Amino acid sequence: MSYGRAFDLMREAAGRDWEAYVAHRFVEGLGDGKLPRAAFLHYLRQDYVFLVHFSRAWALAVVKAGDLDEMRQCAATVHALLAEEMSLHVALCAEAGIPETELLATEERAENAAYTRFVMDAGFSGDFLALLAALAPCVLGYGEIGARLMVERSSEDYADWIAAYGGEDYQALCRSVGLLLDTALERRYGPGYANLPVWRDLCRTFAQATRLEVGFWQMGLAP
């Protein structure tokens, strides 16, 4: 699954870390239905808290953006997170008898805090591209996972979750974020950005966020 040149290059640079993320045992359990329901609900609770901070990080990207076009694209992503993705979590948890007030009261796990604070630090201490590199693995990795599981799943147990990330609305968001990353890089550094020292720094940020995604899945397996 490709969401643009920069994403393809960053994913390749992340190597085994990326595979550990998108083919994690938690992910495969979503596809074959073997993931325990308790683990899924535990993950949803933590991911709801994660999305609160992740939305703030995308809002920070509006501040860090270089022009109105970048601002609009980041603002649209904030809206998608707050109005759509978080609503999915609320709906899935409501089906299990967990109200949104209980979601809001979820105690944040250390793995969750480590990831969200890493992303926020990338934004506060770095520039727009540093923040995008930290944000991209979550958005685009879920798109890749959702698209694959839409085709490969052998169970309907987690069909709603898979459809949300593999469906056209989320895939369109991924293409938009991938294009934002491509255009932001070329606008600032030209088409040869992958040959510059800054590119190595961005790839390191992307890889670290990817490793934190692996830790998030692992956390999901331990309610």
N, C-alpha and C. Protein backbone atom coordinates (compact mmCIF):
# COMPACT_ATOMS: atom_id res chain seq x y z
N MET A 1 0.84 -1.19 0.00
CA MET A 1 0.00 0.00 0.00
C MET A 1 0.88 1.24 0.00
N SER A 2 0.68 2.11 -0.99
CA SER A 2 1.48 3.32 -1.09
C SER A 2 0.60 4.55 -0.90
N TYR A 3 1.08 5.45 -0.05
CA TYR A 3 0.41 6.73 0.14
C TYR A 3 1.34 7.88 -0.24
N GLY A 4 2.27 7.60 -1.14
CA GLY A 4 3.17 8.64 -1.59
C GLY A 4 4.63 8.23 -1.51
N ARG A 5 5.47 8.98 -2.19
CA ARG A 5 6.89 8.66 -2.26
C ARG A 5 7.57 8.73 -0.89
N ALA A 6 7.34 9.80 -0.14
CA ALA A 6 8.01 9.96 1.15
C ALA A 6 7.63 8.83 2.11
N PHE A 7 6.35 8.48 2.14
CA PHE A 7 5.92 7.39 3.00
C PHE A 7 6.59 6.09 2.60
N ASP A 8 6.65 5.80 1.32
CA ASP A 8 7.29 4.58 0.87
C ASP A 8 8.75 4.52 1.32
N LEU A 9 9.45 5.63 1.20
CA LEU A 9 10.86 5.68 1.60
C LEU A 9 11.02 5.55 3.11
N MET A 10 10.17 6.22 3.87
CA MET A 10 10.25 6.13 5.33
C MET A 10 9.90 4.72 5.81
N ARG A 11 8.90 4.13 5.22
CA ARG A 11 8.52 2.76 5.58
C ARG A 11 9.66 1.80 5.28
N GLU A 12 10.30 1.97 4.12
CA GLU A 12 11.43 1.12 3.77
C GLU A 12 12.58 1.30 4.76
N ALA A 13 12.84 2.54 5.15
CA ALA A 13 13.93 2.82 6.09
C ALA A 13 13.63 2.22 7.46
N ALA A 14 12.37 2.15 7.84
CA ALA A 14 11.99 1.58 9.15
C ALA A 14 12.19 0.07 9.18
N GLY A 15 12.17 -0.57 8.03
CA GLY A 15 12.50 -1.99 7.91
C GLY A 15 11.67 -2.90 8.78
N ARG A 16 12.34 -3.70 9.61
CA ARG A 16 11.66 -4.70 10.43
C ARG A 16 10.71 -4.08 11.44
N ASP A 17 11.03 -2.87 11.87
CA ASP A 17 10.12 -2.20 12.81
C ASP A 17 8.74 -2.01 12.19
N TRP A 18 8.72 -1.66 10.90
CA TRP A 18 7.43 -1.47 10.24
C TRP A 18 6.66 -2.79 10.14
N GLU A 19 7.35 -3.85 9.80
CA GLU A 19 6.69 -5.15 9.71
C GLU A 19 6.18 -5.60 11.07
N ALA A 20 6.96 -5.33 12.12
CA ALA A 20 6.52 -5.69 13.47
C ALA A 20 5.26 -4.94 13.85
N TYR A 21 5.09 -3.76 13.32
CA TYR A 21 3.91 -2.93 13.58
C TYR A 21 2.69 -3.42 12.80
N VAL A 22 2.80 -3.48 11.49
CA VAL A 22 1.61 -3.76 10.68
C VAL A 22 1.21 -5.22 10.67
N ALA A 23 2.12 -6.12 11.10
CA ALA A 23 1.80 -7.55 11.15
C ALA A 23 1.89 -8.08 12.58
N HIS A 24 1.65 -7.20 13.55
CA HIS A 24 1.70 -7.58 14.96
C HIS A 24 0.63 -8.63 15.26
N ARG A 25 0.88 -9.41 16.29
CA ARG A 25 -0.07 -10.45 16.69
C ARG A 25 -1.45 -9.88 16.99
N PHE A 26 -1.51 -8.66 17.54
CA PHE A 26 -2.79 -8.00 17.79
C PHE A 26 -3.53 -7.77 16.47
N VAL A 27 -2.81 -7.28 15.48
CA VAL A 27 -3.40 -7.00 14.17
C VAL A 27 -3.92 -8.29 13.53
N GLU A 28 -3.10 -9.33 13.57
CA GLU A 28 -3.53 -10.59 12.96
C GLU A 28 -4.75 -11.15 13.68
N GLY A 29 -4.83 -10.90 14.99
CA GLY A 29 -5.99 -11.35 15.74
C GLY A 29 -7.27 -10.63 15.34
N LEU A 30 -7.13 -9.38 14.91
CA LEU A 30 -8.29 -8.66 14.38
C LEU A 30 -8.78 -9.31 13.10
N GLY A 31 -7.84 -9.76 12.28
CA GLY A 31 -8.20 -10.34 10.99
C GLY A 31 -8.79 -11.72 11.08
N ASP A 32 -8.25 -12.55 11.98
CA ASP A 32 -8.75 -13.93 12.06
C ASP A 32 -9.75 -14.13 13.19
N GLY A 33 -10.05 -13.06 13.92
CA GLY A 33 -11.05 -13.13 14.98
C GLY A 33 -10.57 -13.77 16.27
N LYS A 34 -9.28 -14.06 16.36
CA LYS A 34 -8.75 -14.75 17.55
C LYS A 34 -8.35 -13.80 18.66
N LEU A 35 -8.43 -12.50 18.41
CA LEU A 35 -8.11 -11.53 19.45
C LEU A 35 -9.19 -11.58 20.53
N PRO A 36 -8.81 -11.78 21.79
CA PRO A 36 -9.84 -11.81 22.85
C PRO A 36 -10.59 -10.48 22.92
N ARG A 37 -11.87 -10.55 23.16
CA ARG A 37 -12.69 -9.34 23.21
C ARG A 37 -12.22 -8.40 24.32
N ALA A 38 -11.77 -8.96 25.44
CA ALA A 38 -11.28 -8.13 26.54
C ALA A 38 -10.07 -7.31 26.11
N ALA A 39 -9.20 -7.92 25.30
CA ALA A 39 -8.01 -7.20 24.82
C ALA A 39 -8.43 -6.08 23.87
N PHE A 40 -9.41 -6.34 23.03
CA PHE A 40 -9.88 -5.34 22.08
C PHE A 40 -10.49 -4.14 22.81
N LEU A 41 -11.30 -4.41 23.81
CA LEU A 41 -11.94 -3.32 24.55
C LEU A 41 -10.91 -2.53 25.36
N HIS A 42 -9.93 -3.22 25.90
CA HIS A 42 -8.84 -2.55 26.61
C HIS A 42 -8.09 -1.62 25.65
N TYR A 43 -7.81 -2.12 24.47
CA TYR A 43 -7.14 -1.31 23.44
C TYR A 43 -8.00 -0.09 23.07
N LEU A 44 -9.29 -0.29 22.87
CA LEU A 44 -10.17 0.82 22.49
C LEU A 44 -10.17 1.92 23.55
N ARG A 45 -10.19 1.53 24.81
CA ARG A 45 -10.15 2.52 25.89
C ARG A 45 -8.87 3.35 25.82
N GLN A 46 -7.74 2.65 25.69
CA GLN A 46 -6.47 3.35 25.64
C GLN A 46 -6.34 4.18 24.36
N ASP A 47 -6.86 3.66 23.26
CA ASP A 47 -6.75 4.39 22.00
C ASP A 47 -7.63 5.63 22.00
N TYR A 48 -8.72 5.59 22.72
CA TYR A 48 -9.56 6.78 22.85
C TYR A 48 -8.77 7.90 23.53
N VAL A 49 -8.07 7.54 24.61
CA VAL A 49 -7.22 8.52 25.30
C VAL A 49 -6.11 9.00 24.37
N PHE A 50 -5.53 8.04 23.65
CA PHE A 50 -4.47 8.38 22.69
C PHE A 50 -4.97 9.41 21.67
N LEU A 51 -6.17 9.20 21.16
CA LEU A 51 -6.69 10.08 20.12
C LEU A 51 -6.95 11.50 20.62
N VAL A 52 -7.23 11.64 21.91
CA VAL A 52 -7.37 12.98 22.47
C VAL A 52 -6.05 13.74 22.29
N HIS A 53 -4.94 13.10 22.67
CA HIS A 53 -3.62 13.74 22.54
C HIS A 53 -3.20 13.85 21.07
N PHE A 54 -3.54 12.84 20.29
CA PHE A 54 -3.17 12.83 18.87
C PHE A 54 -3.86 13.97 18.13
N SER A 55 -5.10 14.25 18.50
CA SER A 55 -5.82 15.38 17.91
C SER A 55 -5.13 16.69 18.26
N ARG A 56 -4.66 16.81 19.49
CA ARG A 56 -3.93 18.01 19.88
C ARG A 56 -2.65 18.15 19.08
N ALA A 57 -1.98 17.02 18.81
CA ALA A 57 -0.74 17.07 18.03
C ALA A 57 -1.02 17.54 16.60
N TRP A 58 -2.12 17.07 16.01
CA TRP A 58 -2.47 17.54 14.67
C TRP A 58 -2.88 19.02 14.70
N ALA A 59 -3.49 19.46 15.81
CA ALA A 59 -3.80 20.88 15.95
C ALA A 59 -2.52 21.70 16.03
N LEU A 60 -1.49 21.14 16.69
CA LEU A 60 -0.19 21.81 16.73
C LEU A 60 0.39 21.91 15.32
N ALA A 61 0.11 20.91 14.48
CA ALA A 61 0.59 20.96 13.09
C ALA A 61 -0.03 22.14 12.34
N VAL A 62 -1.24 22.51 12.70
CA VAL A 62 -1.84 23.71 12.10
C VAL A 62 -0.98 24.93 12.42
N VAL A 63 -0.51 25.01 13.65
CA VAL A 63 0.34 26.12 14.07
C VAL A 63 1.69 26.08 13.36
N LYS A 64 2.24 24.87 13.20
CA LYS A 64 3.57 24.71 12.61
C LYS A 64 3.56 24.81 11.08
N ALA A 65 2.40 24.72 10.47
CA ALA A 65 2.29 24.69 9.00
C ALA A 65 2.88 25.95 8.37
N GLY A 66 3.31 25.78 7.13
CA GLY A 66 3.97 26.89 6.43
C GLY A 66 3.05 27.78 5.64
N ASP A 67 1.86 27.32 5.30
CA ASP A 67 0.93 28.14 4.53
C ASP A 67 -0.50 27.68 4.79
N LEU A 68 -1.45 28.37 4.17
CA LEU A 68 -2.85 28.08 4.42
C LEU A 68 -3.26 26.69 3.93
N ASP A 69 -2.68 26.25 2.83
CA ASP A 69 -3.01 24.92 2.31
C ASP A 69 -2.63 23.84 3.31
N GLU A 70 -1.44 23.93 3.88
CA GLU A 70 -1.01 22.97 4.90
C GLU A 70 -1.90 23.08 6.14
N MET A 71 -2.25 24.30 6.50
CA MET A 71 -3.13 24.49 7.66
C MET A 71 -4.48 23.82 7.44
N ARG A 72 -5.04 24.00 6.26
CA ARG A 72 -6.35 23.42 5.97
C ARG A 72 -6.30 21.89 6.02
N GLN A 73 -5.24 21.31 5.47
CA GLN A 73 -5.12 19.85 5.47
C GLN A 73 -4.97 19.30 6.88
N CYS A 74 -4.21 19.97 7.71
CA CYS A 74 -4.05 19.53 9.10
C CYS A 74 -5.34 19.71 9.88
N ALA A 75 -6.03 20.82 9.65
CA ALA A 75 -7.31 21.06 10.33
C ALA A 75 -8.34 20.00 9.93
N ALA A 76 -8.31 19.58 8.67
CA ALA A 76 -9.24 18.54 8.22
C ALA A 76 -8.94 17.22 8.92
N THR A 77 -7.67 16.95 9.18
CA THR A 77 -7.30 15.73 9.88
C THR A 77 -7.77 15.79 11.33
N VAL A 78 -7.63 16.94 11.97
CA VAL A 78 -8.14 17.11 13.33
C VAL A 78 -9.65 16.80 13.36
N HIS A 79 -10.37 17.33 12.39
CA HIS A 79 -11.82 17.09 12.33
C HIS A 79 -12.11 15.60 12.16
N ALA A 80 -11.37 14.93 11.30
CA ALA A 80 -11.60 13.50 11.06
C ALA A 80 -11.37 12.70 12.34
N LEU A 81 -10.36 13.07 13.10
CA LEU A 81 -10.07 12.37 14.35
C LEU A 81 -11.18 12.59 15.38
N LEU A 82 -11.56 13.84 15.56
CA LEU A 82 -12.53 14.18 16.60
C LEU A 82 -13.95 13.75 16.24
N ALA A 83 -14.32 13.92 14.99
CA ALA A 83 -15.71 13.69 14.59
C ALA A 83 -15.97 12.27 14.09
N GLU A 84 -14.94 11.59 13.62
CA GLU A 84 -15.16 10.28 13.02
C GLU A 84 -14.45 9.15 13.77
N GLU A 85 -13.13 9.26 13.90
CA GLU A 85 -12.40 8.14 14.49
C GLU A 85 -12.77 7.94 15.97
N MET A 86 -12.86 9.03 16.72
CA MET A 86 -13.24 8.89 18.12
C MET A 86 -14.68 8.41 18.27
N SER A 87 -15.53 8.78 17.32
CA SER A 87 -16.91 8.31 17.34
C SER A 87 -16.99 6.80 17.15
N LEU A 88 -16.08 6.25 16.34
CA LEU A 88 -16.01 4.80 16.16
C LEU A 88 -15.75 4.12 17.50
N HIS A 89 -14.79 4.65 18.26
CA HIS A 89 -14.46 4.06 19.55
C HIS A 89 -15.65 4.14 20.50
N VAL A 90 -16.33 5.28 20.50
CA VAL A 90 -17.50 5.45 21.36
C VAL A 90 -18.57 4.42 21.00
N ALA A 91 -18.82 4.24 19.71
CA ALA A 91 -19.86 3.32 19.26
C ALA A 91 -19.51 1.87 19.60
N LEU A 92 -18.28 1.47 19.34
CA LEU A 92 -17.87 0.09 19.61
C LEU A 92 -17.91 -0.21 21.10
N CYS A 93 -17.50 0.74 21.91
CA CYS A 93 -17.53 0.53 23.36
C CYS A 93 -18.97 0.54 23.88
N ALA A 94 -19.82 1.39 23.30
CA ALA A 94 -21.22 1.42 23.72
C ALA A 94 -21.89 0.07 23.50
N GLU A 95 -21.53 -0.60 22.42
CA GLU A 95 -22.08 -1.93 22.14
C GLU A 95 -21.72 -2.93 23.24
N ALA A 96 -20.58 -2.67 23.90
CA ALA A 96 -20.14 -3.54 24.99
C ALA A 96 -20.57 -3.02 26.36
N GLY A 97 -21.41 -1.98 26.36
CA GLY A 97 -21.91 -1.44 27.60
C GLY A 97 -20.97 -0.47 28.30
N ILE A 98 -20.03 0.09 27.56
CA ILE A 98 -19.07 1.04 28.13
C ILE A 98 -19.44 2.44 27.64
N PRO A 99 -19.94 3.31 28.51
CA PRO A 99 -20.35 4.66 28.08
C PRO A 99 -19.14 5.56 27.85
N GLU A 100 -19.37 6.66 27.14
CA GLU A 100 -18.27 7.57 26.83
C GLU A 100 -17.68 8.18 28.11
N THR A 101 -18.50 8.39 29.11
CA THR A 101 -17.97 8.94 30.36
C THR A 101 -16.91 8.02 30.96
N GLU A 102 -17.10 6.72 30.80
CA GLU A 102 -16.12 5.75 31.30
C GLU A 102 -14.86 5.78 30.43
N LEU A 103 -15.04 5.98 29.14
CA LEU A 103 -13.88 6.11 28.26
C LEU A 103 -13.02 7.30 28.67
N LEU A 104 -13.68 8.41 28.94
CA LEU A 104 -12.97 9.63 29.32
C LEU A 104 -12.22 9.47 30.63
N ALA A 105 -12.69 8.56 31.47
CA ALA A 105 -12.06 8.35 32.77
C ALA A 105 -10.97 7.28 32.73
N THR A 106 -10.68 6.74 31.56
CA THR A 106 -9.67 5.68 31.43
C THR A 106 -8.31 6.18 31.93
N GLU A 107 -7.68 5.37 32.77
CA GLU A 107 -6.34 5.70 33.26
C GLU A 107 -5.32 5.39 32.16
N GLU A 108 -4.54 6.38 31.79
CA GLU A 108 -3.59 6.25 30.69
C GLU A 108 -2.43 5.33 31.07
N ARG A 109 -2.18 4.33 30.24
CA ARG A 109 -1.06 3.43 30.47
C ARG A 109 0.26 4.12 30.11
N ALA A 110 1.35 3.63 30.69
CA ALA A 110 2.66 4.23 30.45
C ALA A 110 3.05 4.17 28.98
N GLU A 111 2.71 3.06 28.31
CA GLU A 111 3.05 2.92 26.89
C GLU A 111 2.32 3.97 26.05
N ASN A 112 1.11 4.27 26.45
CA ASN A 112 0.29 5.27 25.77
C ASN A 112 0.91 6.65 25.96
N ALA A 113 1.23 6.98 27.21
CA ALA A 113 1.82 8.28 27.51
C ALA A 113 3.15 8.46 26.79
N ALA A 114 3.96 7.41 26.75
CA ALA A 114 5.27 7.50 26.10
C ALA A 114 5.12 7.87 24.63
N TYR A 115 4.14 7.27 23.97
CA TYR A 115 3.95 7.52 22.55
C TYR A 115 3.42 8.94 22.31
N THR A 116 2.36 9.30 22.99
CA THR A 116 1.76 10.61 22.72
C THR A 116 2.70 11.75 23.10
N ARG A 117 3.46 11.58 24.18
CA ARG A 117 4.38 12.65 24.56
C ARG A 117 5.56 12.74 23.60
N PHE A 118 5.96 11.61 23.03
CA PHE A 118 7.01 11.64 22.01
C PHE A 118 6.55 12.46 20.81
N VAL A 119 5.31 12.23 20.38
CA VAL A 119 4.78 12.97 19.23
C VAL A 119 4.69 14.47 19.55
N MET A 120 4.18 14.80 20.72
CA MET A 120 4.07 16.21 21.07
C MET A 120 5.45 16.86 21.19
N ASP A 121 6.42 16.14 21.73
CA ASP A 121 7.76 16.69 21.84
C ASP A 121 8.37 16.93 20.47
N ALA A 122 8.09 16.02 19.53
CA ALA A 122 8.59 16.21 18.16
C ALA A 122 8.04 17.51 17.58
N GLY A 123 6.80 17.82 17.92
CA GLY A 123 6.19 19.04 17.43
C GLY A 123 6.69 20.29 18.12
N PHE A 124 6.82 20.23 19.43
CA PHE A 124 7.25 21.41 20.17
C PHE A 124 8.72 21.73 19.94
N SER A 125 9.56 20.70 19.82
CA SER A 125 10.99 20.94 19.69
C SER A 125 11.46 21.00 18.23
N GLY A 126 10.64 20.49 17.31
CA GLY A 126 11.02 20.46 15.91
C GLY A 126 10.10 21.30 15.05
N ASP A 127 10.27 21.15 13.74
CA ASP A 127 9.48 21.93 12.80
C ASP A 127 8.28 21.12 12.30
N PHE A 128 7.61 21.64 11.30
CA PHE A 128 6.41 21.00 10.76
C PHE A 128 6.70 19.58 10.28
N LEU A 129 7.82 19.40 9.58
CA LEU A 129 8.14 18.08 9.04
C LEU A 129 8.50 17.08 10.13
N ALA A 130 9.18 17.54 11.18
CA ALA A 130 9.49 16.66 12.29
C ALA A 130 8.21 16.14 12.93
N LEU A 131 7.22 17.01 13.06
CA LEU A 131 5.93 16.61 13.62
C LEU A 131 5.22 15.65 12.68
N LEU A 132 5.22 15.92 11.39
CA LEU A 132 4.58 15.01 10.44
C LEU A 132 5.22 13.62 10.46
N ALA A 133 6.54 13.57 10.60
CA ALA A 133 7.24 12.29 10.64
C ALA A 133 6.81 11.47 11.86
N ALA A 134 6.51 12.15 12.97
CA ALA A 134 6.05 11.46 14.17
C ALA A 134 4.59 11.05 14.07
N LEU A 135 3.80 11.83 13.33
CA LEU A 135 2.37 11.55 13.18
C LEU A 135 2.06 10.49 12.13
N ALA A 136 2.88 10.41 11.11
CA ALA A 136 2.56 9.59 9.94
C ALA A 136 2.41 8.10 10.22
N PRO A 137 3.26 7.47 11.06
CA PRO A 137 3.10 6.03 11.24
C PRO A 137 1.72 5.60 11.73
N CYS A 138 1.12 6.38 12.61
CA CYS A 138 -0.21 6.03 13.11
C CYS A 138 -1.25 6.12 12.00
N VAL A 139 -1.33 7.28 11.37
CA VAL A 139 -2.35 7.49 10.34
C VAL A 139 -2.19 6.51 9.18
N LEU A 140 -0.99 6.45 8.64
CA LEU A 140 -0.77 5.66 7.43
C LEU A 140 -0.64 4.17 7.72
N GLY A 141 -0.12 3.83 8.89
CA GLY A 141 -0.05 2.42 9.26
C GLY A 141 -1.42 1.81 9.44
N TYR A 142 -2.33 2.54 10.07
CA TYR A 142 -3.69 2.03 10.23
C TYR A 142 -4.37 1.90 8.87
N GLY A 143 -4.06 2.81 7.95
CA GLY A 143 -4.61 2.69 6.61
C GLY A 143 -4.12 1.44 5.91
N GLU A 144 -2.83 1.17 6.04
CA GLU A 144 -2.26 -0.03 5.43
C GLU A 144 -2.86 -1.29 6.05
N ILE A 145 -2.96 -1.30 7.37
CA ILE A 145 -3.54 -2.45 8.06
C ILE A 145 -5.00 -2.65 7.66
N GLY A 146 -5.76 -1.58 7.67
CA GLY A 146 -7.18 -1.70 7.32
C GLY A 146 -7.39 -2.20 5.91
N ALA A 147 -6.61 -1.66 4.96
CA ALA A 147 -6.76 -2.08 3.56
C ALA A 147 -6.42 -3.56 3.39
N ARG A 148 -5.38 -4.01 4.07
CA ARG A 148 -4.98 -5.42 3.96
C ARG A 148 -6.02 -6.34 4.58
N LEU A 149 -6.49 -5.98 5.77
CA LEU A 149 -7.46 -6.84 6.44
C LEU A 149 -8.81 -6.86 5.75
N MET A 150 -9.15 -5.80 5.03
CA MET A 150 -10.38 -5.81 4.24
C MET A 150 -10.37 -6.96 3.24
N VAL A 151 -9.19 -7.30 2.75
CA VAL A 151 -9.04 -8.36 1.75
C VAL A 151 -8.77 -9.71 2.40
N GLU A 152 -7.96 -9.72 3.46
CA GLU A 152 -7.46 -10.98 4.00
C GLU A 152 -8.23 -11.53 5.19
N ARG A 153 -9.11 -10.75 5.81
CA ARG A 153 -9.74 -11.21 7.04
C ARG A 153 -10.51 -12.51 6.82
N SER A 154 -10.48 -13.36 7.84
CA SER A 154 -11.18 -14.64 7.77
C SER A 154 -12.29 -14.72 8.80
N SER A 155 -12.56 -13.60 9.46
CA SER A 155 -13.60 -13.54 10.49
C SER A 155 -14.31 -12.20 10.41
N GLU A 156 -15.56 -12.19 10.86
CA GLU A 156 -16.35 -10.95 10.89
C GLU A 156 -16.37 -10.33 12.30
N ASP A 157 -15.63 -10.92 13.22
CA ASP A 157 -15.70 -10.47 14.61
C ASP A 157 -15.34 -8.99 14.78
N TYR A 158 -14.37 -8.53 14.00
CA TYR A 158 -13.93 -7.14 14.12
C TYR A 158 -14.12 -6.40 12.80
N ALA A 159 -15.16 -6.78 12.09
CA ALA A 159 -15.42 -6.23 10.76
C ALA A 159 -15.64 -4.72 10.79
N ASP A 160 -16.31 -4.20 11.83
CA ASP A 160 -16.58 -2.76 11.89
C ASP A 160 -15.29 -1.97 12.01
N TRP A 161 -14.38 -2.44 12.85
CA TRP A 161 -13.10 -1.76 13.01
C TRP A 161 -12.32 -1.80 11.70
N ILE A 162 -12.27 -2.96 11.08
CA ILE A 162 -11.53 -3.12 9.83
C ILE A 162 -12.13 -2.25 8.74
N ALA A 163 -13.45 -2.21 8.64
CA ALA A 163 -14.12 -1.41 7.62
C ALA A 163 -13.85 0.08 7.83
N ALA A 164 -13.74 0.49 9.08
CA ALA A 164 -13.50 1.92 9.35
C ALA A 164 -12.15 2.36 8.81
N TYR A 165 -11.13 1.52 8.96
CA TYR A 165 -9.79 1.90 8.53
C TYR A 165 -9.47 1.45 7.10
N GLY A 166 -10.18 0.45 6.64
CA GLY A 166 -9.97 0.00 5.27
C GLY A 166 -10.92 0.64 4.27
N GLY A 167 -11.93 1.35 4.78
CA GLY A 167 -12.94 1.97 3.92
C GLY A 167 -12.44 3.22 3.21
N GLU A 168 -13.21 3.68 2.25
CA GLU A 168 -12.77 4.76 1.38
C GLU A 168 -12.54 6.08 2.12
N ASP A 169 -13.35 6.38 3.11
CA ASP A 169 -13.17 7.65 3.83
C ASP A 169 -11.80 7.72 4.49
N TYR A 170 -11.43 6.65 5.19
CA TYR A 170 -10.13 6.67 5.85
C TYR A 170 -9.00 6.56 4.84
N GLN A 171 -9.20 5.78 3.80
CA GLN A 171 -8.16 5.68 2.77
C GLN A 171 -7.93 7.02 2.10
N ALA A 172 -8.99 7.79 1.90
CA ALA A 172 -8.84 9.13 1.33
C ALA A 172 -8.04 10.03 2.27
N LEU A 173 -8.29 9.90 3.57
CA LEU A 173 -7.51 10.66 4.55
C LEU A 173 -6.03 10.30 4.46
N CYS A 174 -5.75 9.01 4.32
CA CYS A 174 -4.36 8.57 4.21
C CYS A 174 -3.69 9.13 2.96
N ARG A 175 -4.41 9.12 1.86
CA ARG A 175 -3.83 9.69 0.63
C ARG A 175 -3.56 11.18 0.81
N SER A 176 -4.45 11.87 1.52
CA SER A 176 -4.27 13.29 1.77
C SER A 176 -3.04 13.55 2.64
N VAL A 177 -2.87 12.76 3.69
CA VAL A 177 -1.71 12.92 4.57
C VAL A 177 -0.42 12.57 3.84
N GLY A 178 -0.46 11.52 3.03
CA GLY A 178 0.72 11.17 2.24
C GLY A 178 1.11 12.26 1.27
N LEU A 179 0.11 12.88 0.64
CA LEU A 179 0.37 13.98 -0.28
C LEU A 179 0.90 15.20 0.48
N LEU A 180 0.36 15.46 1.65
CA LEU A 180 0.85 16.56 2.49
C LEU A 180 2.32 16.37 2.81
N LEU A 181 2.69 15.16 3.17
CA LEU A 181 4.10 14.87 3.48
C LEU A 181 4.98 15.08 2.26
N ASP A 182 4.54 14.59 1.12
CA ASP A 182 5.32 14.76 -0.12
C ASP A 182 5.49 16.23 -0.48
N THR A 183 4.40 16.96 -0.49
CA THR A 183 4.47 18.35 -0.93
C THR A 183 5.24 19.22 0.06
N ALA A 184 5.10 18.93 1.37
CA ALA A 184 5.83 19.71 2.38
C ALA A 184 7.33 19.51 2.24
N LEU A 185 7.74 18.29 1.96
CA LEU A 185 9.17 18.01 1.78
C LEU A 185 9.71 18.70 0.53
N GLU A 186 9.00 18.55 -0.58
CA GLU A 186 9.49 19.14 -1.83
C GLU A 186 9.46 20.66 -1.78
N ARG A 187 8.47 21.22 -1.11
CA ARG A 187 8.37 22.67 -1.00
C ARG A 187 9.57 23.25 -0.23
N ARG A 188 10.01 22.52 0.77
CA ARG A 188 11.09 23.03 1.61
C ARG A 188 12.47 22.63 1.13
N TYR A 189 12.60 21.42 0.54
CA TYR A 189 13.93 20.91 0.21
C TYR A 189 14.11 20.48 -1.23
N GLY A 190 13.05 20.53 -2.03
CA GLY A 190 13.17 20.11 -3.42
C GLY A 190 13.05 18.61 -3.57
N PRO A 191 13.02 18.11 -4.81
CA PRO A 191 12.80 16.68 -5.05
C PRO A 191 13.94 15.79 -4.56
N GLY A 192 15.10 16.38 -4.28
CA GLY A 192 16.23 15.58 -3.81
C GLY A 192 16.33 15.51 -2.30
N TYR A 193 15.23 15.69 -1.59
CA TYR A 193 15.27 15.76 -0.13
C TYR A 193 15.85 14.50 0.52
N ALA A 194 15.69 13.34 -0.13
CA ALA A 194 16.15 12.09 0.48
C ALA A 194 17.68 11.99 0.53
N ASN A 195 18.37 12.91 -0.12
CA ASN A 195 19.83 12.91 -0.10
C ASN A 195 20.40 13.89 0.94
N LEU A 196 19.52 14.56 1.68
CA LEU A 196 19.96 15.57 2.62
C LEU A 196 20.02 15.02 4.05
N PRO A 197 20.88 15.59 4.90
CA PRO A 197 20.98 15.12 6.30
C PRO A 197 19.65 15.17 7.05
N VAL A 198 18.82 16.16 6.76
CA VAL A 198 17.55 16.28 7.47
C VAL A 198 16.68 15.05 7.25
N TRP A 199 16.82 14.42 6.10
CA TRP A 199 16.02 13.23 5.80
C TRP A 199 16.31 12.10 6.78
N ARG A 200 17.57 11.92 7.15
CA ARG A 200 17.92 10.88 8.11
C ARG A 200 17.26 11.14 9.46
N ASP A 201 17.21 12.40 9.86
CA ASP A 201 16.56 12.74 11.12
C ASP A 201 15.06 12.43 11.06
N LEU A 202 14.44 12.76 9.94
CA LEU A 202 13.01 12.50 9.80
C LEU A 202 12.72 10.99 9.82
N CYS A 203 13.58 10.23 9.17
CA CYS A 203 13.40 8.77 9.16
C CYS A 203 13.59 8.17 10.55
N ARG A 204 14.50 8.73 11.33
CA ARG A 204 14.68 8.26 12.70
C ARG A 204 13.43 8.54 13.54
N THR A 205 12.84 9.72 13.34
CA THR A 205 11.61 10.05 14.06
C THR A 205 10.48 9.10 13.66
N PHE A 206 10.34 8.86 12.37
CA PHE A 206 9.33 7.95 11.86
C PHE A 206 9.52 6.55 12.45
N ALA A 207 10.76 6.08 12.48
CA ALA A 207 11.04 4.73 12.99
C ALA A 207 10.75 4.63 14.48
N GLN A 208 11.07 5.68 15.23
CA GLN A 208 10.79 5.64 16.66
C GLN A 208 9.29 5.62 16.91
N ALA A 209 8.53 6.41 16.18
CA ALA A 209 7.07 6.38 16.32
C ALA A 209 6.53 5.01 15.94
N THR A 210 7.13 4.38 14.96
CA THR A 210 6.73 3.03 14.56
C THR A 210 6.96 2.04 15.69
N ARG A 211 8.11 2.13 16.34
CA ARG A 211 8.39 1.24 17.47
C ARG A 211 7.41 1.47 18.62
N LEU A 212 7.02 2.71 18.81
CA LEU A 212 6.03 3.00 19.84
C LEU A 212 4.65 2.45 19.49
N GLU A 213 4.35 2.36 18.18
CA GLU A 213 3.12 1.71 17.74
C GLU A 213 3.17 0.21 18.08
N VAL A 214 4.31 -0.41 17.91
CA VAL A 214 4.46 -1.82 18.28
C VAL A 214 4.18 -2.00 19.76
N GLY A 215 4.74 -1.09 20.57
CA GLY A 215 4.50 -1.16 22.00
C GLY A 215 3.03 -0.95 22.36
N PHE A 216 2.34 -0.16 21.58
CA PHE A 216 0.91 0.09 21.82
C PHE A 216 0.11 -1.18 21.56
N TRP A 217 0.41 -1.87 20.48
CA TRP A 217 -0.27 -3.14 20.22
C TRP A 217 0.01 -4.13 21.35
N GLN A 218 1.28 -4.20 21.76
CA GLN A 218 1.66 -5.14 22.82
C GLN A 218 0.90 -4.81 24.10
N MET A 219 0.76 -3.55 24.39
CA MET A 219 -0.02 -3.11 25.55
C MET A 219 -1.46 -3.59 25.44
N GLY A 220 -2.00 -3.58 24.21
CA GLY A 220 -3.37 -4.02 23.99
C GLY A 220 -3.60 -5.47 24.34
N LEU A 221 -2.53 -6.26 24.29
CA LEU A 221 -2.66 -7.69 24.59
C LEU A 221 -2.60 -7.97 26.08
N ALA A 222 -2.38 -6.92 26.88
CA ALA A 222 -2.22 -7.13 28.32
C ALA A 222 -3.21 -6.27 29.10
N PRO A 223 -4.49 -6.63 29.09
CA PRO A 223 -5.52 -5.85 29.81
C PRO A 223 -5.20 -5.76 31.31
